[in-house]
Amino acid sequence: MANQVFEILKKKIIITEENLKSLEKLFASSNEIKHFENDSFINLHHLIIMDMSYNEITFIEKDWNKNIRKLTDLYLHGNKLTFIREIL
């Protein structure tokens, strides 16, 4: 299942409640992900941990996490972020 999640993110397919409705942990490190948009994580209401470390993320859009209310841990180290304003 982990490989499926990585492929979904690489293809920019929206992750929906129907296919991952109970997901609590998303480990997507080292996958060359460049950015994620406001609608990338729709209906992941149970997501608590997200590891996006060691990708190629350069920016994060405002309100990217508006659908992820339970998120407590976000790992972004090893990316190419140069500026972070309130993202949580």
N, C-alpha and C. Protein backbone atom coordinates (compact mmCIF):
# COMPACT_ATOMS: atom_id res chain seq x y z
N MET A 1 0.83 -1.20 0.00
CA MET A 1 0.00 0.00 0.00
C MET A 1 0.87 1.25 0.00
N ALA A 2 2.01 1.23 0.66
CA ALA A 2 2.87 2.41 0.72
C ALA A 2 3.30 2.85 -0.67
N ASN A 3 3.65 1.92 -1.53
CA ASN A 3 4.04 2.28 -2.89
C ASN A 3 2.91 2.95 -3.65
N GLN A 4 1.69 2.53 -3.40
CA GLN A 4 0.54 3.14 -4.06
C GLN A 4 0.39 4.60 -3.65
N VAL A 5 0.61 4.89 -2.38
CA VAL A 5 0.51 6.27 -1.90
C VAL A 5 1.55 7.14 -2.59
N PHE A 6 2.78 6.65 -2.70
CA PHE A 6 3.84 7.42 -3.35
C PHE A 6 3.48 7.70 -4.80
N GLU A 7 2.99 6.71 -5.50
CA GLU A 7 2.63 6.89 -6.90
C GLU A 7 1.48 7.89 -7.04
N ILE A 8 0.54 7.85 -6.12
CA ILE A 8 -0.56 8.81 -6.14
C ILE A 8 -0.02 10.22 -6.01
N LEU A 9 0.88 10.45 -5.08
CA LEU A 9 1.43 11.78 -4.87
C LEU A 9 2.25 12.24 -6.08
N LYS A 10 3.02 11.36 -6.67
CA LYS A 10 3.84 11.72 -7.82
C LYS A 10 2.97 12.12 -9.01
N LYS A 11 1.84 11.47 -9.19
CA LYS A 11 0.97 11.75 -10.32
C LYS A 11 -0.01 12.88 -10.04
N LYS A 12 0.05 13.44 -8.83
CA LYS A 12 -0.83 14.53 -8.42
C LYS A 12 -2.30 14.13 -8.46
N ILE A 13 -2.57 12.89 -8.18
CA ILE A 13 -3.95 12.43 -8.07
C ILE A 13 -4.42 12.77 -6.66
N ILE A 14 -5.59 13.28 -6.54
CA ILE A 14 -6.12 13.67 -5.24
C ILE A 14 -6.42 12.44 -4.40
N ILE A 15 -5.90 12.43 -3.19
CA ILE A 15 -6.20 11.36 -2.25
C ILE A 15 -7.55 11.69 -1.64
N THR A 16 -8.48 10.77 -1.74
CA THR A 16 -9.83 11.04 -1.26
C THR A 16 -10.19 10.13 -0.09
N GLU A 17 -11.23 10.47 0.59
CA GLU A 17 -11.71 9.68 1.72
C GLU A 17 -12.09 8.28 1.28
N GLU A 18 -12.55 8.14 0.06
CA GLU A 18 -12.98 6.82 -0.42
C GLU A 18 -11.83 5.83 -0.48
N ASN A 19 -10.64 6.27 -0.89
CA ASN A 19 -9.56 5.30 -1.04
C ASN A 19 -8.61 5.24 0.15
N LEU A 20 -8.61 6.24 1.00
CA LEU A 20 -7.73 6.22 2.16
C LEU A 20 -8.39 6.86 3.38
N LYS A 21 -9.64 6.57 3.60
CA LYS A 21 -10.42 7.30 4.60
C LYS A 21 -9.95 7.13 6.04
N SER A 22 -9.25 6.07 6.35
CA SER A 22 -8.82 5.88 7.73
C SER A 22 -7.31 6.10 7.92
N LEU A 23 -6.66 6.67 6.94
CA LEU A 23 -5.22 6.88 6.99
C LEU A 23 -4.85 7.80 8.15
N GLU A 24 -3.93 7.35 9.01
CA GLU A 24 -3.46 8.14 10.13
C GLU A 24 -2.01 8.57 9.97
N LYS A 25 -1.23 7.80 9.21
CA LYS A 25 0.19 8.10 9.02
C LYS A 25 0.52 8.04 7.54
N LEU A 26 1.17 9.08 7.05
CA LEU A 26 1.58 9.13 5.65
C LEU A 26 3.09 9.35 5.61
N PHE A 27 3.81 8.35 5.14
CA PHE A 27 5.26 8.42 5.03
C PHE A 27 5.61 8.51 3.54
N ALA A 28 5.99 9.69 3.11
CA ALA A 28 6.29 9.93 1.69
C ALA A 28 7.64 10.59 1.53
N SER A 29 8.60 10.17 2.34
CA SER A 29 9.93 10.76 2.25
C SER A 29 10.69 10.19 1.06
N SER A 30 11.65 10.99 0.57
CA SER A 30 12.56 10.56 -0.51
C SER A 30 11.83 10.13 -1.77
N ASN A 31 10.89 10.96 -2.23
CA ASN A 31 10.11 10.63 -3.43
C ASN A 31 10.11 11.71 -4.49
N GLU A 32 11.01 12.68 -4.39
CA GLU A 32 11.14 13.74 -5.38
C GLU A 32 9.87 14.58 -5.53
N ILE A 33 9.07 14.66 -4.48
CA ILE A 33 7.86 15.49 -4.50
C ILE A 33 8.29 16.94 -4.46
N LYS A 34 7.77 17.76 -5.36
CA LYS A 34 8.18 19.16 -5.47
C LYS A 34 7.29 20.11 -4.68
N HIS A 35 6.02 19.85 -4.63
CA HIS A 35 5.10 20.65 -3.83
C HIS A 35 3.77 19.92 -3.70
N PHE A 36 2.96 20.40 -2.80
CA PHE A 36 1.60 19.89 -2.71
C PHE A 36 0.67 21.08 -2.62
N GLU A 37 -0.49 20.91 -3.17
CA GLU A 37 -1.45 22.00 -3.30
C GLU A 37 -2.54 21.89 -2.25
N ASN A 38 -3.38 22.91 -2.21
CA ASN A 38 -4.46 22.96 -1.22
C ASN A 38 -5.36 21.74 -1.26
N ASP A 39 -5.58 21.18 -2.42
CA ASP A 39 -6.50 20.06 -2.54
C ASP A 39 -5.80 18.70 -2.58
N SER A 40 -4.53 18.65 -2.24
CA SER A 40 -3.79 17.39 -2.29
C SER A 40 -4.21 16.39 -1.22
N PHE A 41 -4.76 16.86 -0.13
CA PHE A 41 -5.06 15.98 0.99
C PHE A 41 -6.52 16.11 1.43
N ILE A 42 -7.41 16.09 0.48
CA ILE A 42 -8.83 16.23 0.76
C ILE A 42 -9.34 15.05 1.59
N ASN A 43 -10.10 15.37 2.63
CA ASN A 43 -10.80 14.39 3.46
C ASN A 43 -9.90 13.41 4.21
N LEU A 44 -8.69 13.81 4.51
CA LEU A 44 -7.82 12.97 5.35
C LEU A 44 -7.99 13.41 6.80
N HIS A 45 -9.19 13.28 7.29
CA HIS A 45 -9.56 13.78 8.60
C HIS A 45 -8.87 13.05 9.75
N HIS A 46 -8.34 11.88 9.50
CA HIS A 46 -7.71 11.09 10.56
C HIS A 46 -6.18 11.15 10.52
N LEU A 47 -5.63 11.89 9.57
CA LEU A 47 -4.18 11.95 9.43
C LEU A 47 -3.56 12.66 10.63
N ILE A 48 -2.60 11.98 11.27
CA ILE A 48 -1.95 12.51 12.46
C ILE A 48 -0.48 12.81 12.18
N ILE A 49 0.18 11.94 11.43
CA ILE A 49 1.60 12.08 11.14
C ILE A 49 1.82 12.13 9.63
N MET A 50 2.61 13.11 9.18
CA MET A 50 2.94 13.22 7.76
C MET A 50 4.45 13.44 7.64
N ASP A 51 5.12 12.53 6.97
CA ASP A 51 6.56 12.65 6.75
C ASP A 51 6.80 12.92 5.28
N MET A 52 7.16 14.16 4.98
CA MET A 52 7.46 14.58 3.61
C MET A 52 8.94 14.97 3.51
N SER A 53 9.77 14.40 4.36
CA SER A 53 11.18 14.74 4.41
C SER A 53 11.94 14.23 3.18
N TYR A 54 13.05 14.88 2.92
CA TYR A 54 13.96 14.50 1.83
C TYR A 54 13.28 14.38 0.48
N ASN A 55 12.45 15.37 0.18
CA ASN A 55 11.87 15.50 -1.15
C ASN A 55 12.48 16.74 -1.79
N GLU A 56 11.79 17.34 -2.72
CA GLU A 56 12.29 18.55 -3.38
C GLU A 56 11.29 19.69 -3.23
N ILE A 57 10.64 19.73 -2.10
CA ILE A 57 9.60 20.72 -1.84
C ILE A 57 10.26 22.09 -1.67
N THR A 58 9.80 23.05 -2.47
CA THR A 58 10.36 24.40 -2.42
C THR A 58 9.38 25.39 -1.80
N PHE A 59 8.10 25.08 -1.84
CA PHE A 59 7.10 25.96 -1.23
C PHE A 59 5.89 25.14 -0.82
N ILE A 60 5.13 25.72 0.08
CA ILE A 60 3.89 25.11 0.54
C ILE A 60 2.81 26.17 0.44
N GLU A 61 1.75 25.85 -0.25
CA GLU A 61 0.68 26.82 -0.45
C GLU A 61 -0.07 27.11 0.85
N LYS A 62 -0.53 28.33 0.95
CA LYS A 62 -1.34 28.74 2.10
C LYS A 62 -2.59 27.85 2.17
N ASP A 63 -2.97 27.49 3.37
CA ASP A 63 -4.16 26.66 3.61
C ASP A 63 -4.04 25.24 3.06
N TRP A 64 -2.83 24.75 2.83
CA TRP A 64 -2.65 23.39 2.31
C TRP A 64 -3.24 22.35 3.26
N ASN A 65 -3.30 22.69 4.54
CA ASN A 65 -3.73 21.71 5.54
C ASN A 65 -5.15 21.95 6.05
N LYS A 66 -5.95 22.68 5.31
CA LYS A 66 -7.29 23.01 5.80
C LYS A 66 -8.17 21.78 6.01
N ASN A 67 -7.83 20.68 5.38
CA ASN A 67 -8.61 19.45 5.52
C ASN A 67 -7.97 18.44 6.46
N ILE A 68 -6.85 18.81 7.07
CA ILE A 68 -6.12 17.90 7.95
C ILE A 68 -6.12 18.50 9.35
N ARG A 69 -7.18 18.31 10.08
CA ARG A 69 -7.36 18.94 11.38
C ARG A 69 -6.65 18.25 12.53
N LYS A 70 -6.37 16.95 12.41
CA LYS A 70 -5.77 16.20 13.50
C LYS A 70 -4.24 16.09 13.40
N LEU A 71 -3.66 16.67 12.37
CA LEU A 71 -2.22 16.56 12.15
C LEU A 71 -1.44 17.13 13.35
N THR A 72 -0.58 16.30 13.91
CA THR A 72 0.24 16.74 15.05
C THR A 72 1.73 16.77 14.70
N ASP A 73 2.16 15.91 13.78
CA ASP A 73 3.57 15.83 13.41
C ASP A 73 3.73 15.98 11.91
N LEU A 74 4.55 16.95 11.51
CA LEU A 74 4.84 17.19 10.10
C LEU A 74 6.36 17.26 9.96
N TYR A 75 6.91 16.39 9.14
CA TYR A 75 8.36 16.34 8.93
C TYR A 75 8.68 16.85 7.53
N LEU A 76 9.46 17.93 7.49
CA LEU A 76 9.82 18.56 6.22
C LEU A 76 11.34 18.70 6.05
N HIS A 77 12.12 18.17 6.95
CA HIS A 77 13.57 18.33 6.86
C HIS A 77 14.11 17.68 5.59
N GLY A 78 15.22 18.24 5.10
CA GLY A 78 15.84 17.70 3.90
C GLY A 78 15.18 18.17 2.61
N ASN A 79 14.33 19.18 2.68
CA ASN A 79 13.70 19.74 1.48
C ASN A 79 14.41 21.03 1.09
N LYS A 80 13.90 21.71 0.09
CA LYS A 80 14.51 22.93 -0.42
C LYS A 80 13.71 24.17 -0.05
N LEU A 81 13.02 24.09 1.07
CA LEU A 81 12.24 25.23 1.53
C LEU A 81 13.17 26.37 1.94
N THR A 82 12.83 27.56 1.48
CA THR A 82 13.63 28.73 1.85
C THR A 82 12.86 29.69 2.74
N PHE A 83 11.54 29.56 2.74
CA PHE A 83 10.71 30.46 3.52
C PHE A 83 9.47 29.71 3.94
N ILE A 84 9.16 29.79 5.21
CA ILE A 84 7.94 29.17 5.72
C ILE A 84 7.17 30.22 6.52
N ARG A 85 5.98 30.52 6.08
CA ARG A 85 5.13 31.36 6.93
C ARG A 85 4.11 30.44 7.55
N GLU A 86 3.26 30.91 8.34
CA GLU A 86 2.35 30.05 9.09
C GLU A 86 1.73 28.98 8.22
N ILE A 87 2.20 27.75 8.39
CA ILE A 87 1.65 26.65 7.59
C ILE A 87 0.86 25.69 8.44
N LEU A 88 0.91 25.84 9.73
CA LEU A 88 0.14 24.95 10.60
C LEU A 88 -0.86 25.73 11.39
